C-alpha cells in the first residue's frame, strides 16, 4: 500500500501542502498530490499552489479558525523555504 510519505515523494510537496490543496479543491490526499504534481510541472504552477494555500488561510481566518490558519501558514512557510524563487515572484 502506498503511504502519505510515498505520495509526498511523488509530488514534491509535504503533507501539509497536499492537505491544503485537498482542502482548497475538496480532494482526497492522493488526488490532491496528483494535482500538485501536475501544477508543479506547469508554468506558474508553483504560484498556483501558493495562491491555494493563501486562499485557505484567508478562509480559516474569516471563520475564526486561528489554529488551522497557523497550520496553513506553516505549510506556506515550508513552500517558500523549499522554493526560494517564490520570494522574487
N, C-alpha and C. Protein backbone atom coordinates (compact mmCIF):
# COMPACT_ATOMS: atom_id res chain seq x y z
N UNK A 1 0.85 -1.18 0.00
CA UNK A 1 0.00 0.00 0.00
C UNK A 1 0.89 1.24 0.00
N UNK A 2 0.46 2.25 -0.73
CA UNK A 2 1.23 3.49 -0.81
C UNK A 2 0.92 4.36 0.41
N UNK A 3 1.96 4.93 0.98
CA UNK A 3 1.80 5.74 2.19
C UNK A 3 1.82 7.23 1.82
N UNK A 4 1.46 8.05 2.78
CA UNK A 4 1.49 9.50 2.55
C UNK A 4 2.92 9.97 2.29
N UNK A 5 3.90 9.30 2.86
CA UNK A 5 5.31 9.63 2.60
C UNK A 5 5.63 9.39 1.13
N UNK A 6 5.13 8.26 0.60
CA UNK A 6 5.34 7.96 -0.81
C UNK A 6 4.65 9.01 -1.69
N UNK A 7 3.44 9.37 -1.30
CA UNK A 7 2.69 10.36 -2.05
C UNK A 7 3.43 11.70 -2.07
N UNK A 8 3.96 12.09 -0.93
CA UNK A 8 4.72 13.35 -0.85
C UNK A 8 5.95 13.29 -1.75
N UNK A 9 6.61 12.15 -1.74
CA UNK A 9 7.79 11.99 -2.57
C UNK A 9 7.48 12.07 -4.06
N UNK A 10 6.31 11.60 -4.43
CA UNK A 10 5.92 11.62 -5.84
C UNK A 10 5.64 13.02 -6.35
N UNK A 11 5.07 13.86 -5.50
CA UNK A 11 4.67 15.18 -5.99
C UNK A 11 5.65 16.29 -5.61
N UNK A 12 6.49 16.05 -4.62
CA UNK A 12 7.47 17.06 -4.24
C UNK A 12 7.01 18.06 -3.20
N UNK A 13 5.84 17.83 -2.62
CA UNK A 13 5.34 18.71 -1.56
C UNK A 13 5.24 17.92 -0.27
N UNK A 14 5.11 18.63 0.85
CA UNK A 14 4.94 17.91 2.12
C UNK A 14 3.46 17.71 2.41
N UNK A 15 3.18 16.95 3.44
CA UNK A 15 1.79 16.57 3.71
C UNK A 15 0.90 17.77 3.98
N UNK A 16 1.42 18.77 4.69
CA UNK A 16 0.61 19.95 4.99
C UNK A 16 0.21 20.68 3.71
N UNK A 17 1.11 20.74 2.75
CA UNK A 17 0.82 21.41 1.49
C UNK A 17 -0.20 20.60 0.68
N UNK A 18 -0.05 19.29 0.68
CA UNK A 18 -1.02 18.43 -0.01
C UNK A 18 -2.39 18.57 0.65
N UNK A 19 -2.40 18.59 1.98
CA UNK A 19 -3.67 18.77 2.70
C UNK A 19 -4.33 20.10 2.34
N UNK A 20 -3.53 21.15 2.20
CA UNK A 20 -4.07 22.47 1.86
C UNK A 20 -4.67 22.46 0.45
N UNK A 21 -4.00 21.80 -0.47
CA UNK A 21 -4.54 21.69 -1.84
C UNK A 21 -5.83 20.88 -1.82
N UNK A 22 -5.81 19.79 -1.07
CA UNK A 22 -7.02 18.97 -0.95
C UNK A 22 -8.17 19.75 -0.34
N UNK A 23 -7.87 20.54 0.66
CA UNK A 23 -8.90 21.37 1.30
C UNK A 23 -9.46 22.39 0.31
N UNK A 24 -8.56 23.04 -0.41
CA UNK A 24 -8.95 24.08 -1.35
C UNK A 24 -9.80 23.51 -2.49
N UNK A 25 -9.41 22.36 -2.99
CA UNK A 25 -10.09 21.76 -4.14
C UNK A 25 -11.08 20.66 -3.76
N UNK A 26 -11.22 20.41 -2.46
CA UNK A 26 -12.14 19.37 -1.96
C UNK A 26 -11.78 18.00 -2.54
N UNK A 27 -10.50 17.63 -2.39
CA UNK A 27 -9.98 16.37 -2.92
C UNK A 27 -9.34 15.54 -1.82
N UNK A 28 -9.35 14.22 -1.96
CA UNK A 28 -8.60 13.38 -1.03
C UNK A 28 -7.09 13.52 -1.29
N UNK A 29 -6.28 13.01 -0.37
CA UNK A 29 -4.82 13.18 -0.44
C UNK A 29 -4.22 12.77 -1.79
N UNK A 30 -4.58 11.59 -2.27
CA UNK A 30 -3.97 11.09 -3.50
C UNK A 30 -4.31 12.00 -4.68
N UNK A 31 -5.55 12.41 -4.78
CA UNK A 31 -5.95 13.30 -5.87
C UNK A 31 -5.29 14.67 -5.72
N UNK A 32 -5.19 15.16 -4.50
CA UNK A 32 -4.52 16.45 -4.26
C UNK A 32 -3.04 16.36 -4.63
N UNK A 33 -2.40 15.25 -4.32
CA UNK A 33 -0.99 15.06 -4.68
C UNK A 33 -0.83 15.00 -6.20
N UNK A 34 -1.75 14.33 -6.87
CA UNK A 34 -1.70 14.26 -8.34
C UNK A 34 -1.87 15.66 -8.94
N UNK A 35 -2.80 16.43 -8.40
CA UNK A 35 -2.98 17.80 -8.86
C UNK A 35 -1.72 18.62 -8.60
N UNK A 36 -1.12 18.46 -7.43
CA UNK A 36 0.11 19.18 -7.10
C UNK A 36 1.22 18.84 -8.08
N UNK A 37 1.39 17.55 -8.36
CA UNK A 37 2.43 17.12 -9.31
C UNK A 37 2.18 17.75 -10.67
N UNK A 38 0.94 17.77 -11.10
CA UNK A 38 0.59 18.38 -12.38
C UNK A 38 0.91 19.87 -12.37
N UNK A 39 0.48 20.57 -11.32
CA UNK A 39 0.71 22.01 -11.24
C UNK A 39 2.19 22.36 -11.21
N UNK A 40 2.96 21.56 -10.48
CA UNK A 40 4.38 21.87 -10.34
C UNK A 40 5.16 21.67 -11.64
N UNK A 41 4.54 21.01 -12.61
CA UNK A 41 5.17 20.85 -13.92
C UNK A 41 4.65 21.86 -14.94
N UNK A 42 3.78 22.73 -14.50
CA UNK A 42 3.23 23.78 -15.36
C UNK A 42 3.94 25.10 -15.10
N UNK A 43 3.95 25.94 -16.11
CA UNK A 43 4.46 27.30 -15.91
C UNK A 43 3.53 28.00 -14.92
N UNK A 44 4.09 28.62 -13.93
CA UNK A 44 3.37 29.33 -12.87
C UNK A 44 2.57 28.40 -11.95
N UNK A 45 2.83 27.11 -12.03
CA UNK A 45 2.11 26.16 -11.18
C UNK A 45 2.43 26.33 -9.72
N UNK A 46 3.69 26.63 -9.41
CA UNK A 46 4.09 26.84 -8.03
C UNK A 46 3.34 28.02 -7.43
N UNK A 47 3.15 29.05 -8.23
CA UNK A 47 2.39 30.21 -7.76
C UNK A 47 0.93 29.84 -7.51
N UNK A 48 0.38 28.93 -8.32
CA UNK A 48 -1.00 28.49 -8.12
C UNK A 48 -1.13 27.73 -6.81
N UNK A 49 -0.12 26.90 -6.49
CA UNK A 49 -0.12 26.18 -5.21
C UNK A 49 -0.07 27.19 -4.07
N UNK A 50 0.82 28.17 -4.19
CA UNK A 50 0.92 29.22 -3.17
C UNK A 50 -0.41 29.93 -2.99
N UNK A 51 -1.05 30.28 -4.09
CA UNK A 51 -2.32 31.00 -4.02
C UNK A 51 -3.42 30.17 -3.37
N UNK A 52 -3.42 28.86 -3.60
CA UNK A 52 -4.40 27.99 -2.95
C UNK A 52 -4.23 28.02 -1.44
N UNK A 53 -2.97 27.94 -1.00
CA UNK A 53 -2.70 27.94 0.44
C UNK A 53 -3.09 29.29 1.04
N UNK A 54 -2.76 30.37 0.35
CA UNK A 54 -3.13 31.71 0.84
C UNK A 54 -4.65 31.84 0.93
N UNK A 55 -5.37 31.34 -0.07
CA UNK A 55 -6.84 31.37 -0.04
C UNK A 55 -7.36 30.60 1.18
N UNK A 56 -6.77 29.42 1.43
CA UNK A 56 -7.20 28.62 2.59
C UNK A 56 -6.94 29.36 3.90
N UNK A 57 -5.82 30.08 3.98
CA UNK A 57 -5.52 30.86 5.19
C UNK A 57 -6.58 31.94 5.39
N UNK A 58 -6.92 32.65 4.33
CA UNK A 58 -7.93 33.70 4.42
C UNK A 58 -9.27 33.15 4.87
N UNK A 59 -9.65 32.00 4.33
CA UNK A 59 -10.93 31.38 4.72
C UNK A 59 -10.90 30.98 6.18
N UNK A 60 -9.80 30.36 6.61
CA UNK A 60 -9.67 29.93 8.01
C UNK A 60 -9.76 31.14 8.95
N UNK A 61 -9.12 32.23 8.59
CA UNK A 61 -9.18 33.44 9.43
C UNK A 61 -10.58 34.03 9.46
N UNK A 62 -11.24 34.03 8.31
CA UNK A 62 -12.61 34.56 8.25
C UNK A 62 -13.56 33.72 9.11
N UNK A 63 -13.25 32.43 9.22
CA UNK A 63 -14.07 31.52 10.03
C UNK A 63 -13.60 31.47 11.48
N UNK A 64 -12.64 32.33 11.80
CA UNK A 64 -12.09 32.42 13.16
C UNK A 64 -11.45 31.10 13.61
N UNK A 65 -10.86 30.38 12.66
CA UNK A 65 -10.15 29.12 12.95
C UNK A 65 -8.64 29.44 12.95
N UNK A 66 -8.22 30.15 13.99
CA UNK A 66 -6.84 30.64 14.06
C UNK A 66 -5.82 29.51 14.09
N UNK A 67 -6.13 28.42 14.78
CA UNK A 67 -5.21 27.30 14.84
C UNK A 67 -4.98 26.69 13.47
N UNK A 68 -6.05 26.55 12.72
CA UNK A 68 -5.92 25.99 11.38
C UNK A 68 -5.18 26.96 10.47
N UNK A 69 -5.46 28.25 10.60
CA UNK A 69 -4.75 29.26 9.82
C UNK A 69 -3.25 29.20 10.11
N UNK A 70 -2.89 28.96 11.37
CA UNK A 70 -1.47 28.85 11.74
C UNK A 70 -0.84 27.63 11.08
N UNK A 71 -1.57 26.51 11.04
CA UNK A 71 -1.06 25.30 10.37
C UNK A 71 -0.82 25.57 8.89
N UNK A 72 -1.78 26.25 8.27
CA UNK A 72 -1.65 26.57 6.85
C UNK A 72 -0.50 27.54 6.61
N UNK A 73 -0.31 28.47 7.53
CA UNK A 73 0.80 29.41 7.41
C UNK A 73 2.13 28.68 7.44
N UNK A 74 2.23 27.66 8.28
CA UNK A 74 3.46 26.85 8.32
C UNK A 74 3.65 26.11 7.00
N UNK A 75 2.58 25.61 6.41
CA UNK A 75 2.68 24.94 5.10
C UNK A 75 3.19 25.93 4.06
N UNK A 76 2.68 27.16 4.11
CA UNK A 76 3.13 28.20 3.19
C UNK A 76 4.60 28.53 3.42
N UNK A 77 4.97 28.63 4.68
CA UNK A 77 6.37 28.92 5.02
C UNK A 77 7.30 27.84 4.47
N UNK A 78 6.91 26.57 4.62
CA UNK A 78 7.73 25.47 4.11
C UNK A 78 7.81 25.51 2.58
N UNK A 79 6.72 25.91 1.94
CA UNK A 79 6.73 26.04 0.48
C UNK A 79 7.76 27.08 0.05
N UNK A 80 7.80 28.21 0.76
CA UNK A 80 8.79 29.25 0.45
C UNK A 80 10.21 28.79 0.75
N UNK A 81 10.39 28.03 1.84
CA UNK A 81 11.72 27.54 2.19
C UNK A 81 12.26 26.59 1.13
N UNK A 82 11.40 25.73 0.61
CA UNK A 82 11.83 24.76 -0.41
C UNK A 82 11.93 25.38 -1.80
N UNK A 83 11.29 26.53 -1.99
CA UNK A 83 11.24 27.16 -3.31
C UNK A 83 11.54 28.64 -3.19
N UNK A 84 12.80 28.99 -2.96
CA UNK A 84 13.15 30.39 -2.73
C UNK A 84 12.81 31.31 -3.92
N UNK A 85 12.63 30.75 -5.09
CA UNK A 85 12.28 31.57 -6.25
C UNK A 85 10.90 32.22 -6.08
N UNK A 86 10.07 31.68 -5.20
CA UNK A 86 8.77 32.29 -4.93
C UNK A 86 8.91 33.69 -4.36
N UNK A 87 9.97 33.93 -3.62
CA UNK A 87 10.16 35.23 -2.99
C UNK A 87 10.34 36.34 -4.00
N UNK A 88 10.78 36.01 -5.19
CA UNK A 88 11.02 37.03 -6.21
C UNK A 88 9.84 37.19 -7.16
N UNK A 89 8.78 36.42 -6.93
CA UNK A 89 7.62 36.50 -7.84
C UNK A 89 6.57 37.46 -7.33
